[in-house]
Amino acid sequence: MVSKEIVVQNQVGLHARPATFFIQKANEFSASIWISKDERKVNAKSLLGVLSLGITRGTAVTLTADGADEEAAIEGLTNLVESNFAE
């Protein structure tokens, strides 16, 4: 199991279009992936789950992956978020 804390810095946070990109990237991996904010933890492959966290600009979240490609999953999602979803 691998975990990493990241800060979402794009303009709208993980809402609508960026959340869709995030979900699509998460679904490229076979590992189970979760995203946590405060005390809430949701499946990172679920659009409704991710949107329900209300992640705005400047929010710190923790990504956790468990499975065969867990390290690649965390790296891929971190790179996506750090690229500000190519805005």
N, C-alpha and C. Protein backbone atom coordinates (compact mmCIF):
# COMPACT_ATOMS: atom_id res chain seq x y z
N MET A 1 0.85 -1.18 0.00
CA MET A 1 0.00 0.00 0.00
C MET A 1 0.89 1.24 0.00
N VAL A 2 0.54 2.20 -0.85
CA VAL A 2 1.32 3.43 -0.99
C VAL A 2 0.37 4.61 -0.78
N SER A 3 0.82 5.62 -0.03
CA SER A 3 0.02 6.83 0.18
C SER A 3 0.88 8.06 -0.09
N LYS A 4 0.22 9.12 -0.52
CA LYS A 4 0.92 10.38 -0.75
C LYS A 4 -0.06 11.53 -0.58
N GLU A 5 0.39 12.58 0.11
CA GLU A 5 -0.44 13.77 0.26
C GLU A 5 -0.06 14.77 -0.83
N ILE A 6 -1.07 15.33 -1.47
CA ILE A 6 -0.85 16.34 -2.50
C ILE A 6 -1.82 17.50 -2.27
N VAL A 7 -1.49 18.65 -2.86
CA VAL A 7 -2.35 19.83 -2.75
C VAL A 7 -2.87 20.16 -4.15
N VAL A 8 -4.18 20.27 -4.25
CA VAL A 8 -4.83 20.60 -5.53
C VAL A 8 -4.70 22.11 -5.75
N GLN A 9 -4.05 22.52 -6.85
CA GLN A 9 -3.78 23.94 -7.09
C GLN A 9 -4.50 24.53 -8.31
N ASN A 10 -5.24 23.71 -9.07
CA ASN A 10 -5.90 24.28 -10.24
C ASN A 10 -7.07 25.17 -9.83
N GLN A 11 -7.54 26.00 -10.74
CA GLN A 11 -8.54 27.03 -10.44
C GLN A 11 -9.81 26.51 -9.77
N VAL A 12 -10.40 25.43 -10.29
CA VAL A 12 -11.70 24.98 -9.79
C VAL A 12 -11.62 23.78 -8.85
N GLY A 13 -10.41 23.32 -8.55
CA GLY A 13 -10.29 22.14 -7.70
C GLY A 13 -10.70 20.90 -8.47
N LEU A 14 -11.14 19.88 -7.75
CA LEU A 14 -11.59 18.64 -8.40
C LEU A 14 -13.09 18.73 -8.60
N HIS A 15 -13.51 19.49 -9.60
CA HIS A 15 -14.91 19.67 -9.90
C HIS A 15 -15.12 19.51 -11.39
N ALA A 16 -16.19 18.88 -11.79
CA ALA A 16 -16.59 18.69 -13.18
C ALA A 16 -15.47 18.15 -14.07
N ARG A 17 -14.93 18.97 -14.96
CA ARG A 17 -13.96 18.50 -15.95
C ARG A 17 -12.69 17.92 -15.31
N PRO A 18 -12.04 18.63 -14.37
CA PRO A 18 -10.83 18.03 -13.76
C PRO A 18 -11.13 16.71 -13.04
N ALA A 19 -12.29 16.62 -12.40
CA ALA A 19 -12.65 15.38 -11.71
C ALA A 19 -12.81 14.24 -12.71
N THR A 20 -13.36 14.54 -13.86
CA THR A 20 -13.52 13.53 -14.91
C THR A 20 -12.16 13.03 -15.37
N PHE A 21 -11.22 13.94 -15.60
CA PHE A 21 -9.86 13.54 -15.98
C PHE A 21 -9.22 12.68 -14.89
N PHE A 22 -9.44 13.06 -13.64
CA PHE A 22 -8.88 12.33 -12.50
C PHE A 22 -9.43 10.90 -12.47
N ILE A 23 -10.73 10.75 -12.64
CA ILE A 23 -11.38 9.44 -12.63
C ILE A 23 -10.87 8.58 -13.79
N GLN A 24 -10.77 9.18 -14.97
CA GLN A 24 -10.29 8.44 -16.14
C GLN A 24 -8.86 7.92 -15.90
N LYS A 25 -8.02 8.77 -15.32
CA LYS A 25 -6.64 8.35 -15.02
C LYS A 25 -6.64 7.24 -13.98
N ALA A 26 -7.43 7.37 -12.93
CA ALA A 26 -7.49 6.35 -11.88
C ALA A 26 -7.93 5.00 -12.45
N ASN A 27 -8.83 5.03 -13.40
CA ASN A 27 -9.35 3.79 -13.99
C ASN A 27 -8.35 3.11 -14.94
N GLU A 28 -7.24 3.76 -15.24
CA GLU A 28 -6.20 3.14 -16.05
C GLU A 28 -5.41 2.10 -15.26
N PHE A 29 -5.57 2.09 -13.95
CA PHE A 29 -4.79 1.22 -13.07
C PHE A 29 -5.66 0.14 -12.45
N SER A 30 -5.07 -1.02 -12.23
CA SER A 30 -5.82 -2.12 -11.62
C SER A 30 -5.87 -2.01 -10.09
N ALA A 31 -4.96 -1.24 -9.52
CA ALA A 31 -4.92 -1.09 -8.05
C ALA A 31 -6.19 -0.42 -7.54
N SER A 32 -6.54 -0.73 -6.30
CA SER A 32 -7.62 -0.02 -5.62
C SER A 32 -7.05 1.34 -5.21
N ILE A 33 -7.78 2.41 -5.51
CA ILE A 33 -7.28 3.76 -5.23
C ILE A 33 -8.34 4.53 -4.46
N TRP A 34 -7.90 5.21 -3.40
CA TRP A 34 -8.79 6.03 -2.59
C TRP A 34 -8.23 7.44 -2.52
N ILE A 35 -9.14 8.39 -2.35
CA ILE A 35 -8.74 9.77 -2.12
C ILE A 35 -9.42 10.21 -0.83
N SER A 36 -8.63 10.84 0.05
CA SER A 36 -9.13 11.24 1.37
C SER A 36 -8.98 12.74 1.57
N LYS A 37 -9.99 13.31 2.19
CA LYS A 37 -9.95 14.72 2.60
C LYS A 37 -10.53 14.77 4.00
N ASP A 38 -9.78 15.33 4.92
CA ASP A 38 -10.18 15.35 6.33
C ASP A 38 -10.43 13.91 6.78
N GLU A 39 -11.62 13.60 7.27
CA GLU A 39 -11.93 12.26 7.76
C GLU A 39 -12.65 11.40 6.72
N ARG A 40 -12.92 11.95 5.53
CA ARG A 40 -13.67 11.22 4.51
C ARG A 40 -12.73 10.56 3.50
N LYS A 41 -13.05 9.33 3.14
CA LYS A 41 -12.25 8.56 2.18
C LYS A 41 -13.21 7.95 1.17
N VAL A 42 -12.95 8.19 -0.13
CA VAL A 42 -13.82 7.66 -1.17
C VAL A 42 -13.00 6.96 -2.25
N ASN A 43 -13.68 6.15 -3.02
CA ASN A 43 -13.06 5.46 -4.15
C ASN A 43 -12.68 6.49 -5.20
N ALA A 44 -11.41 6.54 -5.57
CA ALA A 44 -10.93 7.53 -6.53
C ALA A 44 -11.40 7.22 -7.95
N LYS A 45 -12.03 6.08 -8.14
CA LYS A 45 -12.55 5.72 -9.46
C LYS A 45 -14.04 6.04 -9.60
N SER A 46 -14.60 6.69 -8.57
CA SER A 46 -16.02 7.04 -8.55
C SER A 46 -16.20 8.55 -8.69
N LEU A 47 -16.82 8.97 -9.78
CA LEU A 47 -17.03 10.41 -10.01
C LEU A 47 -17.86 11.02 -8.89
N LEU A 48 -18.96 10.39 -8.51
CA LEU A 48 -19.80 10.93 -7.44
C LEU A 48 -19.04 10.99 -6.12
N GLY A 49 -18.23 9.97 -5.86
CA GLY A 49 -17.44 9.96 -4.63
C GLY A 49 -16.47 11.12 -4.58
N VAL A 50 -15.73 11.32 -5.67
CA VAL A 50 -14.74 12.39 -5.73
C VAL A 50 -15.42 13.75 -5.63
N LEU A 51 -16.51 13.94 -6.36
CA LEU A 51 -17.22 15.22 -6.31
C LEU A 51 -17.79 15.49 -4.92
N SER A 52 -18.19 14.43 -4.21
CA SER A 52 -18.79 14.60 -2.88
C SER A 52 -17.80 15.14 -1.86
N LEU A 53 -16.51 15.04 -2.13
CA LEU A 53 -15.51 15.58 -1.19
C LEU A 53 -15.42 17.11 -1.24
N GLY A 54 -15.90 17.72 -2.32
CA GLY A 54 -15.87 19.18 -2.42
C GLY A 54 -14.46 19.73 -2.38
N ILE A 55 -13.57 19.17 -3.17
CA ILE A 55 -12.16 19.58 -3.16
C ILE A 55 -12.00 20.87 -3.96
N THR A 56 -11.56 21.91 -3.29
CA THR A 56 -11.37 23.21 -3.92
C THR A 56 -9.87 23.51 -4.02
N ARG A 57 -9.55 24.62 -4.68
CA ARG A 57 -8.15 25.02 -4.83
C ARG A 57 -7.49 25.17 -3.47
N GLY A 58 -6.29 24.63 -3.36
CA GLY A 58 -5.52 24.73 -2.12
C GLY A 58 -5.82 23.64 -1.11
N THR A 59 -6.69 22.70 -1.45
CA THR A 59 -7.05 21.61 -0.54
C THR A 59 -6.01 20.50 -0.59
N ALA A 60 -5.58 20.07 0.58
CA ALA A 60 -4.66 18.93 0.67
C ALA A 60 -5.48 17.65 0.74
N VAL A 61 -5.13 16.68 -0.08
CA VAL A 61 -5.79 15.39 -0.10
C VAL A 61 -4.73 14.29 -0.02
N THR A 62 -5.14 13.12 0.40
CA THR A 62 -4.24 11.99 0.46
C THR A 62 -4.71 10.93 -0.54
N LEU A 63 -3.80 10.51 -1.40
CA LEU A 63 -4.07 9.43 -2.34
C LEU A 63 -3.49 8.15 -1.76
N THR A 64 -4.25 7.08 -1.81
CA THR A 64 -3.79 5.79 -1.32
C THR A 64 -4.10 4.74 -2.39
N ALA A 65 -3.13 3.91 -2.71
CA ALA A 65 -3.32 2.85 -3.69
C ALA A 65 -2.81 1.53 -3.13
N ASP A 66 -3.50 0.46 -3.49
CA ASP A 66 -3.13 -0.87 -3.04
C ASP A 66 -3.36 -1.84 -4.19
N GLY A 67 -2.28 -2.45 -4.67
CA GLY A 67 -2.40 -3.40 -5.76
C GLY A 67 -1.12 -3.51 -6.55
N ALA A 68 -1.17 -4.27 -7.62
CA ALA A 68 0.02 -4.57 -8.42
C ALA A 68 0.70 -3.31 -8.97
N ASP A 69 -0.08 -2.32 -9.38
CA ASP A 69 0.50 -1.11 -9.97
C ASP A 69 0.29 0.12 -9.09
N GLU A 70 0.32 -0.09 -7.78
CA GLU A 70 0.03 0.99 -6.83
C GLU A 70 0.98 2.18 -6.97
N GLU A 71 2.27 1.93 -7.14
CA GLU A 71 3.22 3.04 -7.25
C GLU A 71 2.99 3.83 -8.53
N ALA A 72 2.73 3.14 -9.63
CA ALA A 72 2.45 3.82 -10.90
C ALA A 72 1.16 4.62 -10.80
N ALA A 73 0.18 4.10 -10.08
CA ALA A 73 -1.10 4.81 -9.91
C ALA A 73 -0.90 6.13 -9.17
N ILE A 74 -0.18 6.07 -8.07
CA ILE A 74 0.07 7.28 -7.28
C ILE A 74 0.87 8.29 -8.09
N GLU A 75 1.89 7.81 -8.80
CA GLU A 75 2.71 8.69 -9.62
C GLU A 75 1.89 9.33 -10.74
N GLY A 76 1.07 8.53 -11.42
CA GLY A 76 0.26 9.05 -12.52
C GLY A 76 -0.75 10.09 -12.06
N LEU A 77 -1.42 9.81 -10.95
CA LEU A 77 -2.42 10.77 -10.44
C LEU A 77 -1.76 12.03 -9.89
N THR A 78 -0.61 11.86 -9.22
CA THR A 78 0.13 13.02 -8.72
C THR A 78 0.56 13.92 -9.87
N ASN A 79 1.09 13.32 -10.94
CA ASN A 79 1.51 14.11 -12.09
C ASN A 79 0.34 14.85 -12.72
N LEU A 80 -0.82 14.20 -12.80
CA LEU A 80 -2.01 14.84 -13.35
C LEU A 80 -2.42 16.06 -12.52
N VAL A 81 -2.49 15.88 -11.20
CA VAL A 81 -2.88 16.98 -10.32
C VAL A 81 -1.85 18.10 -10.35
N GLU A 82 -0.56 17.75 -10.33
CA GLU A 82 0.49 18.77 -10.34
C GLU A 82 0.57 19.52 -11.65
N SER A 83 0.06 18.92 -12.74
CA SER A 83 0.02 19.61 -14.03
C SER A 83 -1.17 20.57 -14.13
N ASN A 84 -1.95 20.65 -13.03
CA ASN A 84 -3.18 21.46 -13.00
C ASN A 84 -4.15 21.03 -14.08
N PHE A 85 -4.16 19.74 -14.38
CA PHE A 85 -5.08 19.15 -15.35
C PHE A 85 -4.95 19.82 -16.72
N ALA A 86 -3.72 20.24 -17.04
CA ALA A 86 -3.39 20.85 -18.34
C ALA A 86 -4.24 22.09 -18.63
N GLU A 87 -4.54 22.86 -17.59
CA GLU A 87 -5.33 24.09 -17.79
C GLU A 87 -4.47 25.16 -18.43
